[in-house]
Amino acid sequence: MFIWKCNNILKLTSKYLQNTYDILSEVSITRDDEYEEVLEKKYKEVDNISIDFGIMEKAENIFVIPGNFGWDDIGSWSALERYRDKDEKGNIVDNNVAIIDGSNNIVLGKKKPIVICGLDNLYVIESDDAIIIGKKEDMNSMERVKPHVNIK
């Protein structure tokens, strides 16, 4: 977990991830009615690196303070099962999805209707560029998928 002042992290982003800083600057001045569209477009262009490796390992004057609190890495795909609502058959769905005779699926649509019939324990993720389908137990292995589609 990281805690910082906004002006400090922006300075560090400018220093170590200039491309990301430029994109953040551009998005921050976008009109409200265009914000979502610009953010979605520009997100694909930011540096594909975690803040740990991109900034924190390079920065000076960083302090580590032990904390006594619970922690859950909600950045993992499996966290969806802990934090998203499930239907009566254990499915997690959103955006124009129908599941017929299926259970324990994660189906995240974007624009197109998605219908799953008679299938269990799968994930189906629709992005702008692809639809990714796999066994739910392999969901955290997205690194293997990245070379085949444009995924951030």
C-alpha atoms as a PDB file:
ATOM      1  CA  MET A   1       0.000   0.000   0.000  1.00  0.00           C
ATOM      2  CA  PHE A   2       1.325   3.438  -0.863  1.00  0.00           C
ATOM      3  CA  ILE A   3       0.463   6.801   0.632  1.00  0.00           C
ATOM      4  CA  TRP A   4       1.707  10.066  -0.839  1.00  0.00           C
ATOM      5  CA  LYS A   5       0.816  13.660  -1.587  1.00  0.00           C
ATOM      6  CA  CYS A   6      -0.549  14.141  -5.092  1.00  0.00           C
ATOM      7  CA  ASN A   7       2.053  16.721  -6.063  1.00  0.00           C
ATOM      8  CA  ASN A   8       4.863  14.347  -4.964  1.00  0.00           C
ATOM      9  CA  ILE A   9       3.665  11.342  -6.967  1.00  0.00           C
ATOM     10  CA  LEU A  10       3.017  13.541 -10.002  1.00  0.00           C
ATOM     11  CA  LYS A  11       6.600  14.851  -9.831  1.00  0.00           C
ATOM     12  CA  LEU A  12       7.920  11.289  -9.618  1.00  0.00           C
ATOM     13  CA  THR A  13       5.674  10.189 -12.482  1.00  0.00           C
ATOM     14  CA  SER A  14       7.014  13.064 -14.566  1.00  0.00           C
ATOM     15  CA  LYS A  15      10.574  12.029 -13.725  1.00  0.00           C
ATOM     16  CA  TYR A  16      10.327   8.254 -14.225  1.00  0.00           C
ATOM     17  CA  LEU A  17       7.271   7.676 -16.438  1.00  0.00           C
ATOM     18  CA  GLN A  18       7.116  10.764 -18.635  1.00  0.00           C
ATOM     19  CA  ASN A  19       4.718   9.212 -21.149  1.00  0.00           C
ATOM     20  CA  THR A  20       2.243   8.310 -18.401  1.00  0.00           C
ATOM     21  CA  TYR A  21       2.577  11.787 -16.905  1.00  0.00           C
ATOM     22  CA  ASP A  22       1.816  13.399 -20.259  1.00  0.00           C
ATOM     23  CA  ILE A  23      -1.277  11.237 -20.674  1.00  0.00           C
ATOM     24  CA  LEU A  24      -2.470  12.004 -17.125  1.00  0.00           C
ATOM     25  CA  SER A  25      -2.040  15.697 -17.849  1.00  0.00           C
ATOM     26  CA  GLU A  26      -4.043  15.416 -21.049  1.00  0.00           C
ATOM     27  CA  VAL A  27      -6.852  13.425 -19.434  1.00  0.00           C
ATOM     28  CA  SER A  28      -7.036  15.803 -16.463  1.00  0.00           C
ATOM     29  CA  ILE A  29      -7.991  18.756 -18.693  1.00  0.00           C
ATOM     30  CA  THR A  30     -10.577  16.846 -20.714  1.00  0.00           C
ATOM     31  CA  ARG A  31     -14.123  18.204 -20.678  1.00  0.00           C
ATOM     32  CA  ASP A  32     -16.571  16.250 -18.518  1.00  0.00           C
ATOM     33  CA  ASP A  33     -18.685  15.119 -21.471  1.00  0.00           C
ATOM     34  CA  GLU A  34     -15.613  13.599 -23.188  1.00  0.00           C
ATOM     35  CA  TYR A  35     -13.816  12.295 -20.104  1.00  0.00           C
ATOM     36  CA  GLU A  36     -14.832   8.605 -20.217  1.00  0.00           C
ATOM     37  CA  GLU A  37     -14.097   8.287 -23.935  1.00  0.00           C
ATOM     38  CA  VAL A  38     -10.696   9.999 -23.676  1.00  0.00           C
ATOM     39  CA  LEU A  39      -9.751   8.031 -20.561  1.00  0.00           C
ATOM     40  CA  GLU A  40     -10.592   4.710 -22.215  1.00  0.00           C
ATOM     41  CA  LYS A  41      -8.597   5.614 -25.327  1.00  0.00           C
ATOM     42  CA  LYS A  42      -5.573   7.008 -23.502  1.00  0.00           C
ATOM     43  CA  TYR A  43      -5.373   4.230 -20.888  1.00  0.00           C
ATOM     44  CA  LYS A  44      -4.102   1.891 -23.591  1.00  0.00           C
ATOM     45  CA  GLU A  45      -1.156   4.236 -24.171  1.00  0.00           C
ATOM     46  CA  VAL A  46       0.181   4.546 -20.615  1.00  0.00           C
ATOM     47  CA  ASP A  47       3.387   2.752 -19.657  1.00  0.00           C
ATOM     48  CA  ASN A  48       2.630  -0.917 -18.974  1.00  0.00           C
ATOM     49  CA  ILE A  49       4.487  -1.153 -15.662  1.00  0.00           C
ATOM     50  CA  SER A  50       3.393  -1.265 -12.035  1.00  0.00           C
ATOM     51  CA  ILE A  51       4.001   1.738  -9.823  1.00  0.00           C
ATOM     52  CA  ASP A  52       6.316  -0.479  -7.736  1.00  0.00           C
ATOM     53  CA  PHE A  53       8.768  -1.021 -10.595  1.00  0.00           C
ATOM     54  CA  GLY A  54       8.111   2.160 -12.560  1.00  0.00           C
ATOM     55  CA  ILE A  55       8.534   4.652  -9.734  1.00  0.00           C
ATOM     56  CA  MET A  56       8.946   3.352  -6.189  1.00  0.00           C
ATOM     57  CA  GLU A  57      12.095   1.283  -6.751  1.00  0.00           C
ATOM     58  CA  LYS A  58      13.805   4.292  -8.362  1.00  0.00           C
ATOM     59  CA  ALA A  59      12.630   7.058  -6.049  1.00  0.00           C
ATOM     60  CA  GLU A  60      14.582   8.488  -3.140  1.00  0.00           C
ATOM     61  CA  ASN A  61      13.222   9.498   0.269  1.00  0.00           C
ATOM     62  CA  ILE A  62      10.855   6.545   0.447  1.00  0.00           C
ATOM     63  CA  PHE A  63       9.915   5.270   3.889  1.00  0.00           C
ATOM     64  CA  VAL A  64       8.501   1.899   4.871  1.00  0.00           C
ATOM     65  CA  ILE A  65       6.241   1.811   7.898  1.00  0.00           C
ATOM     66  CA  PRO A  66       4.754  -1.453   9.171  1.00  0.00           C
ATOM     67  CA  GLY A  67       0.976  -1.507   9.294  1.00  0.00           C
ATOM     68  CA  ASN A  68      -1.266  -3.678  11.408  1.00  0.00           C
ATOM     69  CA  PHE A  69      -4.324  -4.056   9.188  1.00  0.00           C
ATOM     70  CA  GLY A  70      -5.892  -6.577   6.875  1.00  0.00           C
ATOM     71  CA  TRP A  71      -4.903  -6.547   3.226  1.00  0.00           C
ATOM     72  CA  ASP A  72      -6.353  -8.086   0.103  1.00  0.00           C
ATOM     73  CA  ASP A  73      -4.864  -7.691  -3.362  1.00  0.00           C
ATOM     74  CA  ILE A  74      -7.976  -6.661  -5.244  1.00  0.00           C
ATOM     75  CA  GLY A  75      -5.824  -6.277  -8.331  1.00  0.00           C
ATOM     76  CA  SER A  76      -6.031  -9.991  -9.031  1.00  0.00           C
ATOM     77  CA  TRP A  77      -8.751 -11.594 -11.121  1.00  0.00           C
ATOM     78  CA  SER A  78      -9.634 -13.978  -8.307  1.00  0.00           C
ATOM     79  CA  ALA A  79     -10.582 -10.965  -6.160  1.00  0.00           C
ATOM     80  CA  LEU A  80     -13.696 -10.623  -8.306  1.00  0.00           C
ATOM     81  CA  GLU A  81     -15.113 -13.642  -6.523  1.00  0.00           C
ATOM     82  CA  ARG A  82     -14.588 -12.034  -3.146  1.00  0.00           C
ATOM     83  CA  TYR A  83     -16.030  -8.623  -3.985  1.00  0.00           C
ATOM     84  CA  ARG A  84     -18.558  -8.918  -6.808  1.00  0.00           C
ATOM     85  CA  ASP A  85     -22.137 -10.053  -6.287  1.00  0.00           C
ATOM     86  CA  LYS A  86     -23.022 -13.513  -7.564  1.00  0.00           C
ATOM     87  CA  ASP A  87     -26.330 -14.784  -8.841  1.00  0.00           C
ATOM     88  CA  GLU A  88     -28.092 -17.833  -7.361  1.00  0.00           C
ATOM     89  CA  LYS A  89     -25.785 -20.191  -9.300  1.00  0.00           C
ATOM     90  CA  GLY A  90     -22.548 -18.454  -8.353  1.00  0.00           C
ATOM     91  CA  ASN A  91     -22.119 -16.535 -11.621  1.00  0.00           C
ATOM     92  CA  ILE A  92     -20.581 -13.071 -11.722  1.00  0.00           C
ATOM     93  CA  VAL A  93     -21.929 -11.139 -14.693  1.00  0.00           C
ATOM     94  CA  ASP A  94     -22.348  -7.626 -16.004  1.00  0.00           C
ATOM     95  CA  ASN A  95     -23.341  -5.708 -19.118  1.00  0.00           C
ATOM     96  CA  ASN A  96     -25.764  -7.584 -21.308  1.00  0.00           C
ATOM     97  CA  VAL A  97     -24.922 -11.140 -20.205  1.00  0.00           C
ATOM     98  CA  ALA A  98     -27.237 -14.152 -19.947  1.00  0.00           C
ATOM     99  CA  ILE A  99     -26.253 -17.518 -18.495  1.00  0.00           C
ATOM    100  CA  ILE A 100     -28.512 -20.496 -19.156  1.00  0.00           C
ATOM    101  CA  ASP A 101     -27.869 -23.680 -17.171  1.00  0.00           C
ATOM    102  CA  GLY A 102     -24.381 -22.608 -16.156  1.00  0.00           C
ATOM    103  CA  SER A 103     -22.728 -22.015 -12.807  1.00  0.00           C
ATOM    104  CA  ASN A 104     -19.632 -20.467 -11.254  1.00  0.00           C
ATOM    105  CA  ASN A 105     -18.773 -18.428 -14.356  1.00  0.00           C
ATOM    106  CA  ILE A 106     -17.300 -14.940 -14.558  1.00  0.00           C
ATOM    107  CA  VAL A 107     -18.638 -13.134 -17.622  1.00  0.00           C
ATOM    108  CA  LEU A 108     -17.723  -9.483 -18.138  1.00  0.00           C
ATOM    109  CA  GLY A 109     -19.194  -8.000 -21.266  1.00  0.00           C
ATOM    110  CA  LYS A 110     -18.634  -4.611 -22.738  1.00  0.00           C
ATOM    111  CA  LYS A 111     -20.772  -3.948 -25.796  1.00  0.00           C
ATOM    112  CA  LYS A 112     -21.954  -7.160 -27.412  1.00  0.00           C
ATOM    113  CA  PRO A 113     -24.527  -9.452 -25.796  1.00  0.00           C
ATOM    114  CA  ILE A 114     -22.917 -12.597 -24.380  1.00  0.00           C
ATOM    115  CA  VAL A 115     -24.900 -15.790 -23.813  1.00  0.00           C
ATOM    116  CA  ILE A 116     -23.403 -18.826 -22.068  1.00  0.00           C
ATOM    117  CA  CYS A 117     -25.385 -22.053 -22.265  1.00  0.00           C
ATOM    118  CA  GLY A 118     -24.651 -25.207 -20.268  1.00  0.00           C
ATOM    119  CA  LEU A 119     -21.107 -24.253 -19.248  1.00  0.00           C
ATOM    120  CA  ASP A 120     -19.530 -24.070 -15.802  1.00  0.00           C
ATOM    121  CA  ASN A 121     -16.372 -22.646 -14.225  1.00  0.00           C
ATOM    122  CA  LEU A 122     -15.334 -20.422 -17.127  1.00  0.00           C
ATOM    123  CA  TYR A 123     -14.326 -16.823 -17.522  1.00  0.00           C
ATOM    124  CA  VAL A 124     -15.374 -14.774 -20.516  1.00  0.00           C
ATOM    125  CA  ILE A 125     -13.904 -11.279 -20.747  1.00  0.00           C
ATOM    126  CA  GLU A 126     -14.787  -8.924 -23.597  1.00  0.00           C
ATOM    127  CA  SER A 127     -12.367  -6.077 -24.296  1.00  0.00           C
ATOM    128  CA  ASP A 128     -12.373  -3.646 -27.211  1.00  0.00           C
ATOM    129  CA  ASP A 129      -9.989  -5.888 -29.113  1.00  0.00           C
ATOM    130  CA  ALA A 130     -10.897  -9.435 -28.151  1.00  0.00           C
ATOM    131  CA  ILE A 131     -13.075 -11.873 -26.290  1.00  0.00           C
ATOM    132  CA  ILE A 132     -11.031 -14.073 -23.967  1.00  0.00           C
ATOM    133  CA  ILE A 133     -12.462 -17.384 -22.769  1.00  0.00           C
ATOM    134  CA  GLY A 134     -10.802 -19.840 -20.420  1.00  0.00           C
ATOM    135  CA  LYS A 135     -11.056 -22.112 -17.425  1.00  0.00           C
ATOM    136  CA  LYS A 136     -11.648 -20.153 -14.263  1.00  0.00           C
ATOM    137  CA  GLU A 137      -8.817 -21.920 -12.425  1.00  0.00           C
ATOM    138  CA  ASP A 138      -6.397 -20.472 -15.028  1.00  0.00           C
ATOM    139  CA  MET A 139      -7.763 -16.934 -14.795  1.00  0.00           C
ATOM    140  CA  ASN A 140      -4.694 -15.451 -13.112  1.00  0.00           C
ATOM    141  CA  SER A 141      -2.494 -16.708 -15.976  1.00  0.00           C
ATOM    142  CA  MET A 142      -3.407 -13.794 -18.253  1.00  0.00           C
ATOM    143  CA  GLU A 143       0.277 -13.239 -19.002  1.00  0.00           C
ATOM    144  CA  ARG A 144       0.057 -16.160 -21.435  1.00  0.00           C
ATOM    145  CA  VAL A 145      -2.797 -14.441 -23.265  1.00  0.00           C
ATOM    146  CA  LYS A 146      -1.191 -10.997 -23.647  1.00  0.00           C
ATOM    147  CA  PRO A 147       1.028 -11.836 -26.645  1.00  0.00           C
ATOM    148  CA  HIS A 148      -2.053 -12.885 -28.603  1.00  0.00           C
ATOM    149  CA  VAL A 149      -4.222  -9.799 -28.049  1.00  0.00           C
ATOM    150  CA  ASN A 150      -3.818  -6.169 -27.087  1.00  0.00           C
ATOM    151  CA  ILE A 151      -4.491  -6.353 -23.339  1.00  0.00           C
ATOM    152  CA  LYS A 152      -3.328  -3.960 -20.642  1.00  0.00           C
END
